N, C-alpha and C. Protein backbone atom coordinates (compact mmCIF):
# COMPACT_ATOMS: atom_id res chain seq x y z
N MET A 1 0.80 -1.18 0.00
CA MET A 1 0.00 0.00 0.00
C MET A 1 0.86 1.27 0.00
N ILE A 2 1.94 1.26 0.76
CA ILE A 2 2.83 2.41 0.81
C ILE A 2 3.45 2.65 -0.57
N GLU A 3 3.80 1.59 -1.28
CA GLU A 3 4.37 1.74 -2.61
C GLU A 3 3.38 2.41 -3.56
N LEU A 4 2.12 2.07 -3.45
CA LEU A 4 1.09 2.66 -4.29
C LEU A 4 0.94 4.16 -4.02
N VAL A 5 0.96 4.54 -2.78
CA VAL A 5 0.87 5.96 -2.41
C VAL A 5 2.09 6.71 -2.94
N VAL A 6 3.27 6.14 -2.81
CA VAL A 6 4.49 6.78 -3.30
C VAL A 6 4.45 6.92 -4.83
N VAL A 7 4.01 5.87 -5.52
CA VAL A 7 3.94 5.91 -6.98
C VAL A 7 2.93 6.98 -7.43
N VAL A 8 1.78 7.03 -6.80
CA VAL A 8 0.76 8.03 -7.16
C VAL A 8 1.28 9.44 -6.88
N THR A 9 1.99 9.65 -5.80
CA THR A 9 2.56 10.96 -5.46
C THR A 9 3.61 11.37 -6.47
N ILE A 10 4.50 10.46 -6.81
CA ILE A 10 5.54 10.76 -7.81
C ILE A 10 4.91 11.02 -9.17
N PHE A 11 3.93 10.21 -9.53
CA PHE A 11 3.24 10.40 -10.81
C PHE A 11 2.54 11.77 -10.86
N GLY A 12 1.88 12.14 -9.78
CA GLY A 12 1.22 13.46 -9.70
C GLY A 12 2.22 14.59 -9.80
N PHE A 13 3.38 14.43 -9.13
CA PHE A 13 4.43 15.44 -9.21
C PHE A 13 4.97 15.58 -10.64
N LEU A 14 5.19 14.47 -11.31
CA LEU A 14 5.68 14.50 -12.70
C LEU A 14 4.66 15.14 -13.64
N ILE A 15 3.38 14.86 -13.45
CA ILE A 15 2.34 15.48 -14.28
C ILE A 15 2.32 16.99 -14.05
N ALA A 16 2.43 17.43 -12.81
CA ALA A 16 2.42 18.86 -12.49
C ALA A 16 3.63 19.56 -13.11
N VAL A 17 4.80 18.96 -12.99
CA VAL A 17 6.01 19.55 -13.55
C VAL A 17 5.92 19.62 -15.07
N SER A 18 5.44 18.58 -15.71
CA SER A 18 5.34 18.60 -17.18
C SER A 18 4.28 19.61 -17.64
N THR A 19 3.20 19.77 -16.90
CA THR A 19 2.18 20.76 -17.26
C THR A 19 2.75 22.17 -17.17
N VAL A 20 3.48 22.46 -16.12
CA VAL A 20 4.11 23.78 -15.99
C VAL A 20 5.14 23.98 -17.11
N GLY A 21 5.90 22.96 -17.41
CA GLY A 21 6.91 23.06 -18.48
C GLY A 21 6.28 23.33 -19.83
N PHE A 22 5.20 22.64 -20.15
CA PHE A 22 4.51 22.87 -21.42
C PHE A 22 3.90 24.26 -21.49
N SER A 23 3.31 24.73 -20.41
CA SER A 23 2.71 26.07 -20.43
C SER A 23 3.77 27.15 -20.59
N VAL A 24 4.92 27.00 -19.95
CA VAL A 24 6.01 27.97 -20.12
C VAL A 24 6.53 27.93 -21.55
N PHE A 25 6.69 26.72 -22.09
CA PHE A 25 7.18 26.59 -23.46
C PHE A 25 6.24 27.29 -24.44
N PHE A 26 4.95 27.03 -24.34
CA PHE A 26 4.01 27.61 -25.29
C PHE A 26 3.86 29.12 -25.12
N SER A 27 3.96 29.64 -23.90
CA SER A 27 3.89 31.09 -23.72
C SER A 27 5.14 31.76 -24.29
N LYS A 28 6.31 31.18 -24.10
CA LYS A 28 7.54 31.74 -24.68
C LYS A 28 7.52 31.62 -26.20
N PHE A 29 7.00 30.51 -26.71
CA PHE A 29 6.89 30.34 -28.16
C PHE A 29 5.98 31.41 -28.75
N LYS A 30 4.89 31.71 -28.10
CA LYS A 30 3.96 32.74 -28.57
C LYS A 30 4.64 34.12 -28.56
N GLU A 31 5.38 34.42 -27.50
CA GLU A 31 6.11 35.69 -27.43
C GLU A 31 7.14 35.81 -28.54
N LEU A 32 7.92 34.75 -28.75
CA LEU A 32 8.95 34.78 -29.79
C LEU A 32 8.32 34.86 -31.19
N SER A 33 7.20 34.21 -31.39
CA SER A 33 6.51 34.29 -32.69
C SER A 33 6.03 35.70 -32.96
N LYS A 34 5.49 36.37 -31.96
CA LYS A 34 5.05 37.76 -32.14
C LYS A 34 6.23 38.67 -32.46
N TRP A 35 7.34 38.47 -31.74
CA TRP A 35 8.51 39.32 -31.97
C TRP A 35 9.09 39.08 -33.36
N ALA A 36 9.13 37.82 -33.79
CA ALA A 36 9.62 37.52 -35.13
C ALA A 36 8.72 38.15 -36.19
N GLU A 37 7.42 38.13 -35.98
CA GLU A 37 6.49 38.76 -36.92
C GLU A 37 6.69 40.28 -36.95
N LEU A 38 6.96 40.87 -35.80
CA LEU A 38 7.24 42.32 -35.75
C LEU A 38 8.50 42.63 -36.57
N GLN A 39 9.56 41.87 -36.38
CA GLN A 39 10.80 42.10 -37.13
C GLN A 39 10.58 41.93 -38.62
N LYS A 40 9.87 40.90 -39.01
CA LYS A 40 9.62 40.63 -40.43
C LYS A 40 8.81 41.74 -41.07
N SER A 41 7.71 42.13 -40.45
CA SER A 41 6.86 43.15 -41.06
C SER A 41 7.51 44.53 -41.02
N ALA A 42 8.30 44.84 -40.00
CA ALA A 42 9.00 46.12 -39.96
C ALA A 42 10.07 46.18 -41.06
N PHE A 43 10.76 45.08 -41.28
CA PHE A 43 11.77 45.04 -42.34
C PHE A 43 11.11 45.16 -43.72
N GLU A 44 9.95 44.52 -43.89
CA GLU A 44 9.21 44.66 -45.15
C GLU A 44 8.79 46.11 -45.39
N CYS A 45 8.46 46.82 -44.33
CA CYS A 45 8.13 48.25 -44.46
C CYS A 45 9.33 49.04 -44.97
N VAL A 46 10.50 48.77 -44.40
CA VAL A 46 11.72 49.47 -44.84
C VAL A 46 11.99 49.15 -46.31
N LEU A 47 11.82 47.89 -46.71
CA LEU A 47 12.03 47.52 -48.11
C LEU A 47 11.00 48.16 -49.03
N THR A 48 9.77 48.32 -48.57
CA THR A 48 8.75 48.99 -49.38
C THR A 48 9.10 50.45 -49.60
N VAL A 49 9.58 51.12 -48.57
CA VAL A 49 9.99 52.52 -48.73
C VAL A 49 11.18 52.60 -49.68
N LYS A 50 12.11 51.69 -49.56
CA LYS A 50 13.30 51.71 -50.41
C LYS A 50 12.99 51.31 -51.84
N ASN A 51 12.44 50.13 -52.05
CA ASN A 51 12.25 49.60 -53.40
C ASN A 51 10.96 50.06 -54.06
N GLY A 52 9.98 50.45 -53.27
CA GLY A 52 8.79 51.02 -53.86
C GLY A 52 7.50 50.34 -53.52
N LEU A 53 6.46 51.12 -53.60
CA LEU A 53 5.09 50.67 -53.45
C LEU A 53 4.60 50.27 -54.83
N SER A 54 3.94 49.14 -54.93
CA SER A 54 3.44 48.67 -56.22
C SER A 54 2.23 49.50 -56.63
N VAL A 55 2.33 50.15 -57.79
CA VAL A 55 1.22 50.95 -58.33
C VAL A 55 0.94 50.49 -59.75
N GLY A 56 -0.29 50.66 -60.18
CA GLY A 56 -0.66 50.24 -61.52
C GLY A 56 -0.94 48.76 -61.56
N THR A 57 -1.42 48.32 -62.72
CA THR A 57 -1.73 46.90 -62.90
C THR A 57 -1.25 46.45 -64.27
N GLY A 58 -1.11 45.15 -64.42
CA GLY A 58 -0.75 44.58 -65.72
C GLY A 58 0.57 45.10 -66.24
N ASN A 59 0.56 45.56 -67.50
CA ASN A 59 1.79 46.06 -68.13
C ASN A 59 2.23 47.41 -67.58
N SER A 60 1.33 48.13 -66.92
CA SER A 60 1.72 49.44 -66.39
C SER A 60 2.06 49.38 -64.90
N GLN A 61 2.28 48.18 -64.36
CA GLN A 61 2.65 48.07 -62.95
C GLN A 61 4.09 48.53 -62.74
N GLN A 62 4.27 49.38 -61.75
CA GLN A 62 5.59 49.90 -61.43
C GLN A 62 5.74 49.97 -59.92
N PHE A 63 6.97 50.19 -59.48
CA PHE A 63 7.25 50.35 -58.06
C PHE A 63 7.79 51.76 -57.85
N TYR A 64 7.13 52.52 -56.99
CA TYR A 64 7.56 53.88 -56.68
C TYR A 64 8.14 53.90 -55.28
N GLY A 65 9.43 54.23 -55.18
CA GLY A 65 10.10 54.31 -53.89
C GLY A 65 11.35 55.15 -54.01
N ILE A 66 12.16 55.11 -52.98
CA ILE A 66 13.38 55.93 -52.96
C ILE A 66 14.39 55.44 -53.99
N ALA A 67 14.57 54.13 -54.10
CA ALA A 67 15.61 53.59 -54.98
C ALA A 67 15.38 53.92 -56.45
N ASN A 68 14.13 54.07 -56.87
CA ASN A 68 13.88 54.37 -58.28
C ASN A 68 13.32 55.77 -58.49
N ALA A 69 13.55 56.65 -57.53
CA ALA A 69 13.08 58.03 -57.64
C ALA A 69 14.11 58.91 -58.34
N GLU A 70 13.60 59.85 -59.10
CA GLU A 70 14.47 60.85 -59.71
C GLU A 70 14.66 62.03 -58.76
N LYS A 71 13.61 62.36 -58.01
CA LYS A 71 13.67 63.46 -57.05
C LYS A 71 13.01 63.04 -55.75
N LEU A 72 13.59 63.52 -54.65
CA LEU A 72 13.06 63.27 -53.32
C LEU A 72 12.80 64.60 -52.63
N TYR A 73 11.69 64.66 -51.90
CA TYR A 73 11.36 65.84 -51.12
C TYR A 73 11.00 65.40 -49.71
N ILE A 74 11.73 65.95 -48.73
CA ILE A 74 11.46 65.64 -47.33
C ILE A 74 10.61 66.76 -46.76
N GLN A 75 9.53 66.40 -46.08
CA GLN A 75 8.69 67.38 -45.41
C GLN A 75 8.61 67.02 -43.93
N GLY A 76 8.47 68.02 -43.12
CA GLY A 76 8.36 67.78 -41.68
C GLY A 76 8.98 68.91 -40.91
N VAL A 77 10.03 68.61 -40.17
CA VAL A 77 10.68 69.60 -39.32
C VAL A 77 11.29 70.72 -40.16
N ASN A 78 12.05 70.35 -41.17
CA ASN A 78 12.66 71.31 -42.10
C ASN A 78 12.96 70.58 -43.40
N ALA A 79 13.71 71.20 -44.30
CA ALA A 79 14.00 70.57 -45.59
C ALA A 79 15.02 69.43 -45.48
N VAL A 80 15.65 69.29 -44.33
CA VAL A 80 16.67 68.26 -44.13
C VAL A 80 16.13 67.07 -43.34
N THR A 81 15.21 67.29 -42.45
CA THR A 81 14.67 66.25 -41.58
C THR A 81 13.16 66.32 -41.53
N GLY A 82 12.53 65.16 -41.61
CA GLY A 82 11.08 65.12 -41.50
C GLY A 82 10.55 63.71 -41.46
N ASN A 83 9.25 63.58 -41.21
CA ASN A 83 8.64 62.26 -41.15
C ASN A 83 7.83 61.94 -42.40
N THR A 84 8.02 62.73 -43.46
CA THR A 84 7.34 62.50 -44.73
C THR A 84 8.36 62.63 -45.85
N ILE A 85 8.28 61.72 -46.82
CA ILE A 85 9.13 61.83 -48.00
C ILE A 85 8.27 61.58 -49.24
N THR A 86 8.47 62.43 -50.23
CA THR A 86 7.79 62.28 -51.51
C THR A 86 8.82 61.86 -52.55
N CYS A 87 8.53 60.78 -53.25
CA CYS A 87 9.43 60.23 -54.26
C CYS A 87 8.80 60.42 -55.63
N LYS A 88 9.50 61.11 -56.51
CA LYS A 88 9.02 61.33 -57.87
C LYS A 88 9.87 60.49 -58.83
N PRO A 89 9.25 59.51 -59.49
CA PRO A 89 10.00 58.68 -60.44
C PRO A 89 10.23 59.43 -61.74
N PRO A 90 11.13 58.96 -62.58
CA PRO A 90 11.34 59.60 -63.87
C PRO A 90 10.05 59.51 -64.71
N ALA A 91 9.70 60.59 -65.37
CA ALA A 91 8.50 60.61 -66.22
C ALA A 91 8.92 60.41 -67.66
N HIS A 92 8.41 59.36 -68.28
CA HIS A 92 8.75 59.07 -69.67
C HIS A 92 7.67 59.53 -70.63
N GLU A 93 6.51 59.85 -70.09
CA GLU A 93 5.40 60.34 -70.92
C GLU A 93 4.77 61.53 -70.22
N ALA A 94 4.08 62.37 -70.98
CA ALA A 94 3.45 63.55 -70.41
C ALA A 94 2.38 63.19 -69.38
N ALA A 95 1.72 62.05 -69.55
CA ALA A 95 0.68 61.63 -68.62
C ALA A 95 1.24 61.26 -67.25
N ASN A 96 2.55 61.03 -67.19
CA ASN A 96 3.17 60.61 -65.94
C ASN A 96 4.01 61.71 -65.28
N MET A 97 3.82 62.94 -65.67
CA MET A 97 4.62 64.04 -65.11
C MET A 97 4.35 64.24 -63.61
N ASN A 98 3.15 63.92 -63.15
CA ASN A 98 2.80 64.13 -61.74
C ASN A 98 2.86 62.85 -60.91
N ASP A 99 3.43 61.80 -61.46
CA ASP A 99 3.53 60.54 -60.71
C ASP A 99 4.39 60.74 -59.47
N GLN A 100 3.95 60.12 -58.38
CA GLN A 100 4.71 60.22 -57.13
C GLN A 100 4.14 59.24 -56.11
N VAL A 101 4.93 58.99 -55.10
CA VAL A 101 4.46 58.27 -53.92
C VAL A 101 4.94 59.07 -52.71
N ARG A 102 4.11 59.12 -51.71
CA ARG A 102 4.42 59.88 -50.50
C ARG A 102 4.28 58.94 -49.30
N PHE A 103 5.39 58.71 -48.62
CA PHE A 103 5.40 57.90 -47.40
C PHE A 103 5.42 58.84 -46.21
N PHE A 104 4.56 58.58 -45.23
CA PHE A 104 4.52 59.45 -44.06
C PHE A 104 4.09 58.68 -42.82
N TRP A 105 4.39 59.26 -41.67
CA TRP A 105 4.02 58.70 -40.38
C TRP A 105 2.95 59.59 -39.79
N ASP A 106 1.79 59.02 -39.50
CA ASP A 106 0.68 59.81 -38.96
C ASP A 106 0.64 59.80 -37.43
N GLY A 107 1.68 59.30 -36.80
CA GLY A 107 1.73 59.22 -35.35
C GLY A 107 1.45 57.81 -34.85
N ASN A 108 0.77 57.01 -35.65
CA ASN A 108 0.46 55.63 -35.29
C ASN A 108 0.91 54.63 -36.35
N TYR A 109 0.74 54.99 -37.60
CA TYR A 109 0.99 54.10 -38.72
C TYR A 109 1.91 54.76 -39.74
N VAL A 110 2.66 53.92 -40.48
CA VAL A 110 3.37 54.39 -41.67
C VAL A 110 2.38 54.20 -42.81
N ARG A 111 2.12 55.29 -43.53
CA ARG A 111 1.10 55.25 -44.58
C ARG A 111 1.68 55.78 -45.88
N ALA A 112 0.95 55.61 -46.96
CA ALA A 112 1.43 56.05 -48.27
C ALA A 112 0.26 56.49 -49.13
N THR A 113 0.51 57.49 -49.95
CA THR A 113 -0.42 57.89 -51.01
C THR A 113 0.37 57.88 -52.31
N TYR A 114 -0.32 57.70 -53.42
CA TYR A 114 0.39 57.68 -54.70
C TYR A 114 -0.44 58.31 -55.79
N GLN A 115 0.25 58.72 -56.85
CA GLN A 115 -0.35 59.21 -58.08
C GLN A 115 0.36 58.48 -59.21
N HIS A 116 -0.40 57.78 -60.04
CA HIS A 116 0.17 57.03 -61.16
C HIS A 116 -0.70 57.33 -62.38
N GLY A 117 -0.20 58.21 -63.23
CA GLY A 117 -0.99 58.64 -64.39
C GLY A 117 -2.24 59.34 -63.91
N GLN A 118 -3.39 58.84 -64.32
CA GLN A 118 -4.66 59.44 -63.89
C GLN A 118 -5.22 58.75 -62.64
N ILE A 119 -4.51 57.79 -62.12
CA ILE A 119 -4.99 57.02 -60.97
C ILE A 119 -4.24 57.47 -59.72
N SER A 120 -4.99 57.67 -58.66
CA SER A 120 -4.36 58.00 -57.38
C SER A 120 -5.06 57.23 -56.28
N SER A 121 -4.39 57.13 -55.15
CA SER A 121 -5.00 56.44 -54.02
C SER A 121 -6.11 57.32 -53.45
N SER A 122 -7.27 56.74 -53.23
CA SER A 122 -8.40 57.52 -52.74
C SER A 122 -8.26 57.82 -51.25
N TYR A 123 -7.45 57.06 -50.56
CA TYR A 123 -7.17 57.28 -49.15
C TYR A 123 -5.77 56.76 -48.88
N PRO A 124 -5.11 57.24 -47.83
CA PRO A 124 -3.75 56.75 -47.54
C PRO A 124 -3.75 55.26 -47.22
N LEU A 125 -2.83 54.54 -47.84
CA LEU A 125 -2.69 53.11 -47.62
C LEU A 125 -1.89 52.85 -46.35
N TYR A 126 -2.20 51.77 -45.66
CA TYR A 126 -1.44 51.37 -44.48
C TYR A 126 -0.25 50.53 -44.93
N VAL A 127 0.96 51.04 -44.69
CA VAL A 127 2.17 50.29 -45.03
C VAL A 127 2.61 49.44 -43.84
N PHE A 128 2.62 50.06 -42.65
CA PHE A 128 3.02 49.34 -41.44
C PHE A 128 2.46 50.06 -40.23
N PRO A 129 2.01 49.38 -39.24
CA PRO A 129 1.57 48.00 -39.22
C PRO A 129 0.25 47.85 -39.95
N PRO A 130 -0.14 46.64 -40.26
CA PRO A 130 -1.45 46.47 -40.90
C PRO A 130 -2.55 47.03 -40.00
N TYR A 131 -3.55 47.63 -40.59
CA TYR A 131 -4.60 48.25 -39.79
C TYR A 131 -5.44 47.19 -39.08
N LYS A 132 -5.51 47.30 -37.76
CA LYS A 132 -6.39 46.48 -36.94
C LYS A 132 -6.91 47.37 -35.82
N ARG A 133 -8.12 47.10 -35.38
CA ARG A 133 -8.72 47.92 -34.33
C ARG A 133 -7.93 47.85 -33.03
N ASP A 134 -7.52 46.67 -32.63
CA ASP A 134 -6.77 46.50 -31.37
C ASP A 134 -5.33 46.10 -31.68
N ASN A 135 -4.60 47.00 -32.32
CA ASN A 135 -3.25 46.70 -32.78
C ASN A 135 -2.27 46.77 -31.61
N ASP A 136 -1.43 45.73 -31.50
CA ASP A 136 -0.41 45.69 -30.46
C ASP A 136 0.88 46.38 -30.90
N ILE A 137 1.00 46.70 -32.18
CA ILE A 137 2.22 47.30 -32.72
C ILE A 137 2.06 48.81 -32.74
N ARG A 138 3.12 49.51 -32.32
CA ARG A 138 3.11 50.97 -32.32
C ARG A 138 4.41 51.46 -32.94
N VAL A 139 4.30 52.33 -33.92
CA VAL A 139 5.49 52.96 -34.52
C VAL A 139 5.85 54.15 -33.65
N SER A 140 7.07 54.15 -33.13
CA SER A 140 7.49 55.24 -32.24
C SER A 140 8.41 56.23 -32.92
N LYS A 141 8.95 55.87 -34.10
CA LYS A 141 9.81 56.81 -34.83
C LYS A 141 9.84 56.43 -36.30
N PHE A 142 9.70 57.43 -37.14
CA PHE A 142 9.81 57.24 -38.59
C PHE A 142 10.29 58.58 -39.13
N ARG A 143 11.60 58.69 -39.33
CA ARG A 143 12.18 59.99 -39.67
C ARG A 143 13.21 59.84 -40.79
N PHE A 144 13.12 60.76 -41.74
CA PHE A 144 14.08 60.84 -42.84
C PHE A 144 15.01 62.01 -42.59
N THR A 145 16.29 61.81 -42.91
CA THR A 145 17.29 62.88 -42.81
C THR A 145 18.10 62.89 -44.09
N ARG A 146 18.23 64.06 -44.71
CA ARG A 146 19.05 64.19 -45.92
C ARG A 146 20.52 64.14 -45.52
N LEU A 147 21.30 63.33 -46.23
CA LEU A 147 22.72 63.17 -45.90
C LEU A 147 23.64 63.85 -46.91
N ASN A 148 23.17 64.08 -48.12
CA ASN A 148 24.05 64.67 -49.12
C ASN A 148 24.02 66.19 -49.04
N SER A 149 25.07 66.81 -49.59
CA SER A 149 25.09 68.27 -49.67
C SER A 149 24.53 68.68 -51.03
N GLY A 150 24.20 69.93 -51.16
CA GLY A 150 23.63 70.40 -52.41
C GLY A 150 22.15 70.69 -52.25
N ASP A 151 21.55 71.14 -53.34
CA ASP A 151 20.15 71.54 -53.28
C ASP A 151 19.19 70.37 -53.34
N GLU A 152 19.51 69.34 -54.12
CA GLU A 152 18.59 68.21 -54.28
C GLU A 152 18.92 67.10 -53.30
N THR A 153 17.88 66.47 -52.80
CA THR A 153 18.04 65.34 -51.89
C THR A 153 18.29 64.08 -52.73
N LYS A 154 19.40 63.43 -52.49
CA LYS A 154 19.76 62.21 -53.22
C LYS A 154 20.02 61.04 -52.28
N VAL A 155 20.54 61.31 -51.09
CA VAL A 155 20.85 60.26 -50.12
C VAL A 155 20.12 60.61 -48.82
N VAL A 156 19.35 59.63 -48.31
CA VAL A 156 18.61 59.86 -47.07
C VAL A 156 18.91 58.74 -46.08
N GLN A 157 18.73 59.07 -44.84
CA GLN A 157 18.81 58.07 -43.77
C GLN A 157 17.42 57.92 -43.18
N LEU A 158 16.99 56.69 -43.02
CA LEU A 158 15.70 56.40 -42.41
C LEU A 158 15.94 55.86 -41.01
N ASP A 159 15.37 56.53 -40.01
CA ASP A 159 15.38 56.06 -38.63
C ASP A 159 13.96 55.55 -38.33
N PHE A 160 13.86 54.28 -38.02
CA PHE A 160 12.56 53.64 -37.88
C PHE A 160 12.55 52.78 -36.63
N GLU A 161 11.59 53.03 -35.75
CA GLU A 161 11.45 52.24 -34.53
C GLU A 161 9.99 51.83 -34.37
N ALA A 162 9.80 50.59 -33.98
CA ALA A 162 8.46 50.09 -33.70
C ALA A 162 8.54 49.17 -32.50
N GLU A 163 7.46 49.13 -31.75
CA GLU A 163 7.42 48.25 -30.59
C GLU A 163 6.09 47.52 -30.55
N MET A 164 6.12 46.37 -29.89
CA MET A 164 4.94 45.52 -29.81
C MET A 164 4.81 44.97 -28.41
N LYS A 165 3.59 44.97 -27.93
CA LYS A 165 3.31 44.35 -26.64
C LYS A 165 3.15 42.85 -26.88
N ILE A 166 4.10 42.05 -26.38
CA ILE A 166 4.06 40.62 -26.66
C ILE A 166 3.45 39.82 -25.52
N SER A 167 3.31 40.45 -24.37
CA SER A 167 2.62 39.84 -23.23
C SER A 167 2.12 41.00 -22.36
N PRO A 168 1.30 40.72 -21.39
CA PRO A 168 0.78 41.83 -20.57
C PRO A 168 1.86 42.66 -19.88
N THR A 169 3.05 42.08 -19.69
CA THR A 169 4.09 42.82 -18.98
C THR A 169 5.33 43.12 -19.82
N LYS A 170 5.39 42.61 -21.06
CA LYS A 170 6.61 42.76 -21.87
C LYS A 170 6.32 43.43 -23.20
N THR A 171 7.23 44.29 -23.61
CA THR A 171 7.21 44.85 -24.95
C THR A 171 8.57 44.59 -25.60
N ARG A 172 8.56 44.41 -26.89
CA ARG A 172 9.79 44.25 -27.67
C ARG A 172 9.85 45.37 -28.68
N LYS A 173 11.06 45.76 -29.02
CA LYS A 173 11.27 46.90 -29.91
C LYS A 173 12.23 46.51 -31.02
N VAL A 174 11.96 47.01 -32.23
CA VAL A 174 12.90 46.87 -33.34
C VAL A 174 13.32 48.27 -33.76
N VAL A 175 14.59 48.39 -34.12
CA VAL A 175 15.14 49.67 -34.55
C VAL A 175 15.91 49.44 -35.85
N TYR A 176 15.55 50.22 -36.86
CA TYR A 176 16.27 50.17 -38.13
C TYR A 176 16.80 51.57 -38.43
N VAL A 177 18.07 51.64 -38.72
CA VAL A 177 18.70 52.86 -39.20
C VAL A 177 19.41 52.47 -40.48
N THR A 178 18.96 53.01 -41.60
CA THR A 178 19.52 52.61 -42.88
C THR A 178 19.62 53.82 -43.80
N LYS A 179 20.52 53.72 -44.74
CA LYS A 179 20.72 54.79 -45.72
C LYS A 179 20.22 54.31 -47.07
N MET A 180 19.61 55.22 -47.82
CA MET A 180 19.06 54.90 -49.13
C MET A 180 19.42 56.01 -50.10
N THR A 181 19.50 55.65 -51.37
CA THR A 181 19.86 56.64 -52.38
C THR A 181 18.95 56.50 -53.60
N THR A 182 18.84 57.57 -54.36
CA THR A 182 18.02 57.57 -55.57
C THR A 182 18.83 56.99 -56.74
N ILE A 183 18.18 56.91 -57.90
CA ILE A 183 18.85 56.33 -59.07
C ILE A 183 19.85 57.28 -59.70
N LYS A 184 19.70 58.56 -59.49
CA LYS A 184 20.60 59.52 -60.13
C LYS A 184 21.43 60.25 -59.13
């Protein structure tokens, strides 16, 4: 009888320890998955600003961003630093003289508007984070700084910070500081 009590006690202890171990594993896995998703989507935002937002359809699809812009205009604090950048791609036809994409931070989201020929965005698009009513991701910094000398902006630095609440008591932050240049 004593052996049975000891076996049941040890078995109960092992079940309790394994239950706690599994719950800790799954909660940490959930936290790490959220943080990895934050890093991935924040990096995709940086690449969208650099390589361009997809505009147009079919044969007229193009990417408007810093890397393929002919002219850049920074708006915000002054002509050198701001949280908005307008990228004007080279115009090959008269109908495309006003083509542009404008990336900006509205205090919560990185958003974009565009003009492509006669088509423009009817409302600012959400670039990062994706729009959700109860969003855990918050952009805390999105700033462009002109690095080159001269009148025209050709080289910019993007300072980008975002944070996410991954548990009731923990937040994780990603920080990207990168330099980008136009085609000319």
